[in-house]
Amino acid sequence: MPYVKIEVTREGVTREQKQTLIAGVTKLITEVLDKDPKLTHVVIQEIELDDWGYAGEQVSVLREKGITAKR
């Protein structure tokens, strides 16, 4: 029973985007590991910007400086 946890910052990931992630990850696990998709669990957890940091800064501070994760 595969369990996949995806953590993202709480910045407006839509219900449709989450569904696409869940379907895509389930398909990948099925194809690569030959696991039953009915037994594959995908959890998406959204983390507040103040609770996530990298490079020594909170993401909320980085966003205030105009630094984003967008391409």
PDB file of N, CA and C in Angstrom:
ATOM      1  N   MET A   1       0.840  -1.168   0.000  1.00  0.00           N
ATOM      2  CA  MET A   1       0.000   0.000   0.000  1.00  0.00           C
ATOM      3  C   MET A   1       0.893   1.242   0.000  1.00  0.00           C
ATOM      4  N   PRO A   2       1.162   1.819  -1.152  1.00  0.00           N
ATOM      5  CA  PRO A   2       1.989   3.024  -1.212  1.00  0.00           C
ATOM      6  C   PRO A   2       1.300   4.224  -0.567  1.00  0.00           C
ATOM      7  N   TYR A   3       2.101   5.032   0.075  1.00  0.00           N
ATOM      8  CA  TYR A   3       1.640   6.278   0.682  1.00  0.00           C
ATOM      9  C   TYR A   3       2.593   7.365   0.223  1.00  0.00           C
ATOM     10  N   VAL A   4       2.059   8.393  -0.416  1.00  0.00           N
ATOM     11  CA  VAL A   4       2.876   9.499  -0.906  1.00  0.00           C
ATOM     12  C   VAL A   4       2.361  10.780  -0.272  1.00  0.00           C
ATOM     13  N   LYS A   5       3.268  11.556   0.303  1.00  0.00           N
ATOM     14  CA  LYS A   5       2.888  12.826   0.920  1.00  0.00           C
ATOM     15  C   LYS A   5       3.550  13.954   0.136  1.00  0.00           C
ATOM     16  N   ILE A   6       2.728  14.895  -0.292  1.00  0.00           N
ATOM     17  CA  ILE A   6       3.205  16.070  -1.010  1.00  0.00           C
ATOM     18  C   ILE A   6       2.989  17.267  -0.096  1.00  0.00           C
ATOM     19  N   GLU A   7       4.049  18.008   0.168  1.00  0.00           N
ATOM     20  CA  GLU A   7       3.937  19.206   0.988  1.00  0.00           C
ATOM     21  C   GLU A   7       4.192  20.424   0.103  1.00  0.00           C
ATOM     22  N   VAL A   8       3.283  21.377   0.170  1.00  0.00           N
ATOM     23  CA  VAL A   8       3.401  22.620  -0.585  1.00  0.00           C
ATOM     24  C   VAL A   8       3.066  23.781   0.335  1.00  0.00           C
ATOM     25  N   THR A   9       3.551  24.951  -0.018  1.00  0.00           N
ATOM     26  CA  THR A   9       3.169  26.124   0.753  1.00  0.00           C
ATOM     27  C   THR A   9       1.736  26.498   0.417  1.00  0.00           C
ATOM     28  N   ARG A  10       1.064  27.063   1.397  1.00  0.00           N
ATOM     29  CA  ARG A  10      -0.344  27.456   1.232  1.00  0.00           C
ATOM     30  C   ARG A  10      -0.385  28.757   0.422  1.00  0.00           C
ATOM     31  N   GLU A  11      -0.430  28.574  -0.902  1.00  0.00           N
ATOM     32  CA  GLU A  11      -0.424  29.741  -1.792  1.00  0.00           C
ATOM     33  C   GLU A  11      -1.414  29.556  -2.940  1.00  0.00           C
ATOM     34  N   GLY A  12      -2.566  29.021  -2.627  1.00  0.00           N
ATOM     35  CA  GLY A  12      -3.626  28.980  -3.615  1.00  0.00           C
ATOM     36  C   GLY A  12      -3.626  27.800  -4.569  1.00  0.00           C
ATOM     37  N   VAL A  13      -3.124  26.654  -4.133  1.00  0.00           N
ATOM     38  CA  VAL A  13      -3.237  25.459  -4.971  1.00  0.00           C
ATOM     39  C   VAL A  13      -4.719  25.114  -5.051  1.00  0.00           C
ATOM     40  N   THR A  14      -5.226  25.012  -6.259  1.00  0.00           N
ATOM     41  CA  THR A  14      -6.660  24.794  -6.434  1.00  0.00           C
ATOM     42  C   THR A  14      -7.034  23.326  -6.247  1.00  0.00           C
ATOM     43  N   ARG A  15      -8.316  23.106  -6.085  1.00  0.00           N
ATOM     44  CA  ARG A  15      -8.842  21.751  -5.978  1.00  0.00           C
ATOM     45  C   ARG A  15      -8.503  20.953  -7.238  1.00  0.00           C
ATOM     46  N   GLU A  16      -8.621  21.591  -8.387  1.00  0.00           N
ATOM     47  CA  GLU A  16      -8.317  20.928  -9.656  1.00  0.00           C
ATOM     48  C   GLU A  16      -6.833  20.554  -9.751  1.00  0.00           C
ATOM     49  N   GLN A  17      -5.959  21.452  -9.304  1.00  0.00           N
ATOM     50  CA  GLN A  17      -4.519  21.148  -9.313  1.00  0.00           C
ATOM     51  C   GLN A  17      -4.204  19.979  -8.381  1.00  0.00           C
ATOM     52  N   LYS A  18      -4.856  19.955  -7.228  1.00  0.00           N
ATOM     53  CA  LYS A  18      -4.650  18.847  -6.296  1.00  0.00           C
ATOM     54  C   LYS A  18      -5.116  17.533  -6.909  1.00  0.00           C
ATOM     55  N   GLN A  19      -6.261  17.556  -7.576  1.00  0.00           N
ATOM     56  CA  GLN A  19      -6.759  16.343  -8.224  1.00  0.00           C
ATOM     57  C   GLN A  19      -5.786  15.868  -9.300  1.00  0.00           C
ATOM     58  N   THR A  20      -5.219  16.804 -10.054  1.00  0.00           N
ATOM     59  CA  THR A  20      -4.239  16.446 -11.084  1.00  0.00           C
ATOM     60  C   THR A  20      -2.998  15.826 -10.456  1.00  0.00           C
ATOM     61  N   LEU A  21      -2.535  16.389  -9.345  1.00  0.00           N
ATOM     62  CA  LEU A  21      -1.383  15.812  -8.633  1.00  0.00           C
ATOM     63  C   LEU A  21      -1.695  14.394  -8.148  1.00  0.00           C
ATOM     64  N   ILE A  22      -2.843  14.220  -7.538  1.00  0.00           N
ATOM     65  CA  ILE A  22      -3.227  12.912  -7.001  1.00  0.00           C
ATOM     66  C   ILE A  22      -3.311  11.882  -8.126  1.00  0.00           C
ATOM     67  N   ALA A  23      -3.957  12.242  -9.219  1.00  0.00           N
ATOM     68  CA  ALA A  23      -4.081  11.311 -10.345  1.00  0.00           C
ATOM     69  C   ALA A  23      -2.723  11.001 -10.961  1.00  0.00           C
ATOM     70  N   GLY A  24      -1.892  12.021 -11.122  1.00  0.00           N
ATOM     71  CA  GLY A  24      -0.587  11.829 -11.733  1.00  0.00           C
ATOM     72  C   GLY A  24       0.346  10.974 -10.895  1.00  0.00           C
ATOM     73  N   VAL A  25       0.379  11.223  -9.601  1.00  0.00           N
ATOM     74  CA  VAL A  25       1.226  10.440  -8.704  1.00  0.00           C
ATOM     75  C   VAL A  25       0.732   8.992  -8.643  1.00  0.00           C
ATOM     76  N   THR A  26      -0.568   8.814  -8.578  1.00  0.00           N
ATOM     77  CA  THR A  26      -1.129   7.462  -8.551  1.00  0.00           C
ATOM     78  C   THR A  26      -0.752   6.704  -9.821  1.00  0.00           C
ATOM     79  N   LYS A  27      -0.867   7.355 -10.961  1.00  0.00           N
ATOM     80  CA  LYS A  27      -0.514   6.733 -12.242  1.00  0.00           C
ATOM     81  C   LYS A  27       0.974   6.364 -12.264  1.00  0.00           C
ATOM     82  N   LEU A  28       1.825   7.260 -11.788  1.00  0.00           N
ATOM     83  CA  LEU A  28       3.262   7.009 -11.765  1.00  0.00           C
ATOM     84  C   LEU A  28       3.610   5.819 -10.875  1.00  0.00           C
ATOM     85  N   ILE A  29       3.026   5.756  -9.692  1.00  0.00           N
ATOM     86  CA  ILE A  29       3.263   4.642  -8.773  1.00  0.00           C
ATOM     87  C   ILE A  29       2.792   3.326  -9.403  1.00  0.00           C
ATOM     88  N   THR A  30       1.657   3.385 -10.090  1.00  0.00           N
ATOM     89  CA  THR A  30       1.123   2.194 -10.751  1.00  0.00           C
ATOM     90  C   THR A  30       2.065   1.719 -11.864  1.00  0.00           C
ATOM     91  N   GLU A  31       2.527   2.651 -12.688  1.00  0.00           N
ATOM     92  CA  GLU A  31       3.382   2.301 -13.822  1.00  0.00           C
ATOM     93  C   GLU A  31       4.787   1.877 -13.400  1.00  0.00           C
ATOM     94  N   VAL A  32       5.376   2.597 -12.458  1.00  0.00           N
ATOM     95  CA  VAL A  32       6.767   2.339 -12.085  1.00  0.00           C
ATOM     96  C   VAL A  32       6.894   1.177 -11.105  1.00  0.00           C
ATOM     97  N   LEU A  33       6.013   1.120 -10.123  1.00  0.00           N
ATOM     98  CA  LEU A  33       6.127   0.103  -9.078  1.00  0.00           C
ATOM     99  C   LEU A  33       5.122  -1.037  -9.222  1.00  0.00           C
ATOM    100  N   ASP A  34       4.265  -0.966 -10.241  1.00  0.00           N
ATOM    101  CA  ASP A  34       3.250  -1.987 -10.489  1.00  0.00           C
ATOM    102  C   ASP A  34       2.342  -2.192  -9.276  1.00  0.00           C
ATOM    103  N   LYS A  35       1.942  -1.071  -8.665  1.00  0.00           N
ATOM    104  CA  LYS A  35       1.062  -1.124  -7.493  1.00  0.00           C
ATOM    105  C   LYS A  35      -0.389  -0.875  -7.897  1.00  0.00           C
ATOM    106  N   ASP A  36      -1.292  -1.444  -7.136  1.00  0.00           N
ATOM    107  CA  ASP A  36      -2.722  -1.284  -7.377  1.00  0.00           C
ATOM    108  C   ASP A  36      -3.119   0.162  -7.067  1.00  0.00           C
ATOM    109  N   PRO A  37      -3.664   0.893  -8.030  1.00  0.00           N
ATOM    110  CA  PRO A  37      -4.040   2.283  -7.773  1.00  0.00           C
ATOM    111  C   PRO A  37      -5.125   2.418  -6.697  1.00  0.00           C
ATOM    112  N   LYS A  38      -5.923   1.378  -6.501  1.00  0.00           N
ATOM    113  CA  LYS A  38      -6.960   1.422  -5.468  1.00  0.00           C
ATOM    114  C   LYS A  38      -6.376   1.369  -4.060  1.00  0.00           C
ATOM    115  N   LEU A  39      -5.106   0.987  -3.964  1.00  0.00           N
ATOM    116  CA  LEU A  39      -4.454   0.903  -2.657  1.00  0.00           C
ATOM    117  C   LEU A  39      -3.391   1.988  -2.469  1.00  0.00           C
ATOM    118  N   THR A  40      -3.312   2.906  -3.416  1.00  0.00           N
ATOM    119  CA  THR A  40      -2.326   3.987  -3.356  1.00  0.00           C
ATOM    120  C   THR A  40      -2.948   5.212  -2.700  1.00  0.00           C
ATOM    121  N   HIS A  41      -2.282   5.721  -1.690  1.00  0.00           N
ATOM    122  CA  HIS A  41      -2.764   6.888  -0.951  1.00  0.00           C
ATOM    123  C   HIS A  41      -1.861   8.077  -1.248  1.00  0.00           C
ATOM    124  N   VAL A  42      -2.472   9.209  -1.552  1.00  0.00           N
ATOM    125  CA  VAL A  42      -1.728  10.451  -1.783  1.00  0.00           C
ATOM    126  C   VAL A  42      -2.312  11.511  -0.855  1.00  0.00           C
ATOM    127  N   VAL A  43      -1.447  12.141  -0.086  1.00  0.00           N
ATOM    128  CA  VAL A  43      -1.857  13.187   0.846  1.00  0.00           C
ATOM    129  C   VAL A  43      -1.165  14.476   0.443  1.00  0.00           C
ATOM    130  N   ILE A  44      -1.937  15.544   0.338  1.00  0.00           N
ATOM    131  CA  ILE A  44      -1.375  16.861   0.055  1.00  0.00           C
ATOM    132  C   ILE A  44      -1.555  17.709   1.304  1.00  0.00           C
ATOM    133  N   GLN A  45      -0.439  18.189   1.819  1.00  0.00           N
ATOM    134  CA  GLN A  45      -0.486  19.022   3.017  1.00  0.00           C
ATOM    135  C   GLN A  45       0.015  20.413   2.656  1.00  0.00           C
ATOM    136  N   GLU A  46      -0.797  21.397   2.973  1.00  0.00           N
ATOM    137  CA  GLU A  46      -0.411  22.778   2.732  1.00  0.00           C
ATOM    138  C   GLU A  46       0.192  23.367   4.011  1.00  0.00           C
ATOM    139  N   ILE A  47       1.343  23.986   3.866  1.00  0.00           N
ATOM    140  CA  ILE A  47       2.082  24.543   4.998  1.00  0.00           C
ATOM    141  C   ILE A  47       2.013  26.068   4.935  1.00  0.00           C
ATOM    142  N   GLU A  48       1.714  26.683   6.057  1.00  0.00           N
ATOM    143  CA  GLU A  48       1.690  28.145   6.128  1.00  0.00           C
ATOM    144  C   GLU A  48       3.080  28.706   5.805  1.00  0.00           C
ATOM    145  N   LEU A  49       3.113  29.872   5.171  1.00  0.00           N
ATOM    146  CA  LEU A  49       4.383  30.469   4.750  1.00  0.00           C
ATOM    147  C   LEU A  49       5.320  30.756   5.924  1.00  0.00           C
ATOM    148  N   ASP A  50       4.761  31.106   7.070  1.00  0.00           N
ATOM    149  CA  ASP A  50       5.602  31.353   8.250  1.00  0.00           C
ATOM    150  C   ASP A  50       6.219  30.068   8.793  1.00  0.00           C
ATOM    151  N   ASP A  51       5.639  28.914   8.433  1.00  0.00           N
ATOM    152  CA  ASP A  51       6.086  27.631   8.971  1.00  0.00           C
ATOM    153  C   ASP A  51       7.036  26.885   8.040  1.00  0.00           C
ATOM    154  N   TRP A  52       7.422  27.499   6.939  1.00  0.00           N
ATOM    155  CA  TRP A  52       8.321  26.863   5.980  1.00  0.00           C
ATOM    156  C   TRP A  52       9.475  27.821   5.725  1.00  0.00           C
ATOM    157  N   GLY A  53      10.671  27.309   5.743  1.00  0.00           N
ATOM    158  CA  GLY A  53      11.815  28.170   5.484  1.00  0.00           C
ATOM    159  C   GLY A  53      12.879  27.466   4.679  1.00  0.00           C
ATOM    160  N   TYR A  54      13.670  28.240   3.997  1.00  0.00           N
ATOM    161  CA  TYR A  54      14.868  27.736   3.332  1.00  0.00           C
ATOM    162  C   TYR A  54      15.842  28.895   3.176  1.00  0.00           C
ATOM    163  N   ALA A  55      17.089  28.548   3.028  1.00  0.00           N
ATOM    164  CA  ALA A  55      18.159  29.549   2.926  1.00  0.00           C
ATOM    165  C   ALA A  55      18.149  30.489   4.124  1.00  0.00           C
ATOM    166  N   GLY A  56      17.720  29.973   5.273  1.00  0.00           N
ATOM    167  CA  GLY A  56      17.744  30.750   6.505  1.00  0.00           C
ATOM    168  C   GLY A  56      16.623  31.760   6.667  1.00  0.00           C
ATOM    169  N   GLU A  57      15.618  31.713   5.812  1.00  0.00           N
ATOM    170  CA  GLU A  57      14.509  32.676   5.862  1.00  0.00           C
ATOM    171  C   GLU A  57      13.172  31.959   5.846  1.00  0.00           C
ATOM    172  N   GLN A  58      12.175  32.587   6.472  1.00  0.00           N
ATOM    173  CA  GLN A  58      10.811  32.096   6.332  1.00  0.00           C
ATOM    174  C   GLN A  58      10.344  32.415   4.918  1.00  0.00           C
ATOM    175  N   VAL A  59       9.541  31.541   4.352  1.00  0.00           N
ATOM    176  CA  VAL A  59       9.029  31.776   3.007  1.00  0.00           C
ATOM    177  C   VAL A  59       8.216  33.068   2.963  1.00  0.00           C
ATOM    178  N   SER A  60       7.506  33.385   4.039  1.00  0.00           N
ATOM    179  CA  SER A  60       6.731  34.628   4.066  1.00  0.00           C
ATOM    180  C   SER A  60       7.638  35.845   3.856  1.00  0.00           C
ATOM    181  N   VAL A  61       8.814  35.821   4.444  1.00  0.00           N
ATOM    182  CA  VAL A  61       9.770  36.919   4.282  1.00  0.00           C
ATOM    183  C   VAL A  61      10.311  36.942   2.850  1.00  0.00           C
ATOM    184  N   LEU A  62      10.618  35.766   2.320  1.00  0.00           N
ATOM    185  CA  LEU A  62      11.108  35.696   0.942  1.00  0.00           C
ATOM    186  C   LEU A  62      10.067  36.238  -0.035  1.00  0.00           C
ATOM    187  N   ARG A  63       8.788  35.909   0.192  1.00  0.00           N
ATOM    188  CA  ARG A  63       7.728  36.409  -0.691  1.00  0.00           C
ATOM    189  C   ARG A  63       7.630  37.934  -0.603  1.00  0.00           C
ATOM    190  N   GLU A  64       7.800  38.482   0.602  1.00  0.00           N
ATOM    191  CA  GLU A  64       7.784  39.937   0.771  1.00  0.00           C
ATOM    192  C   GLU A  64       8.911  40.596  -0.013  1.00  0.00           C
ATOM    193  N   LYS A  65      10.011  39.861  -0.185  1.00  0.00           N
ATOM    194  CA  LYS A  65      11.160  40.371  -0.951  1.00  0.00           C
ATOM    195  C   LYS A  65      10.975  40.128  -2.451  1.00  0.00           C
ATOM    196  N   GLY A  66       9.869  39.507  -2.826  1.00  0.00           N
ATOM    197  CA  GLY A  66       9.596  39.250  -4.237  1.00  0.00           C
ATOM    198  C   GLY A  66      10.168  37.945  -4.763  1.00  0.00           C
ATOM    199  N   ILE A  67      10.675  37.102  -3.877  1.00  0.00           N
ATOM    200  CA  ILE A  67      11.252  35.815  -4.282  1.00  0.00           C
ATOM    201  C   ILE A  67      10.142  34.774  -4.279  1.00  0.00           C
ATOM    202  N   THR A  68       9.901  34.161  -5.422  1.00  0.00           N
ATOM    203  CA  THR A  68       8.837  33.166  -5.546  1.00  0.00           C
ATOM    204  C   THR A  68       9.393  31.854  -6.114  1.00  0.00           C
ATOM    205  N   ALA A  69       8.541  30.847  -6.153  1.00  0.00           N
ATOM    206  CA  ALA A  69       8.918  29.542  -6.694  1.00  0.00           C
ATOM    207  C   ALA A  69       8.440  29.381  -8.133  1.00  0.00           C
ATOM    208  N   LYS A  70       7.852  30.409  -8.691  1.00  0.00           N
ATOM    209  CA  LYS A  70       7.330  30.302 -10.051  1.00  0.00           C
ATOM    210  C   LYS A  70       8.459  30.340 -11.078  1.00  0.00           C
ATOM    211  N   ARG A  71       8.211  29.646 -12.197  1.00  0.00           N
ATOM    212  CA  ARG A  71       9.201  29.652 -13.281  1.00  0.00           C
ATOM    213  C   ARG A  71       9.172  30.954 -14.021  1.00  0.00           C
TER     214      ARG A  71
END
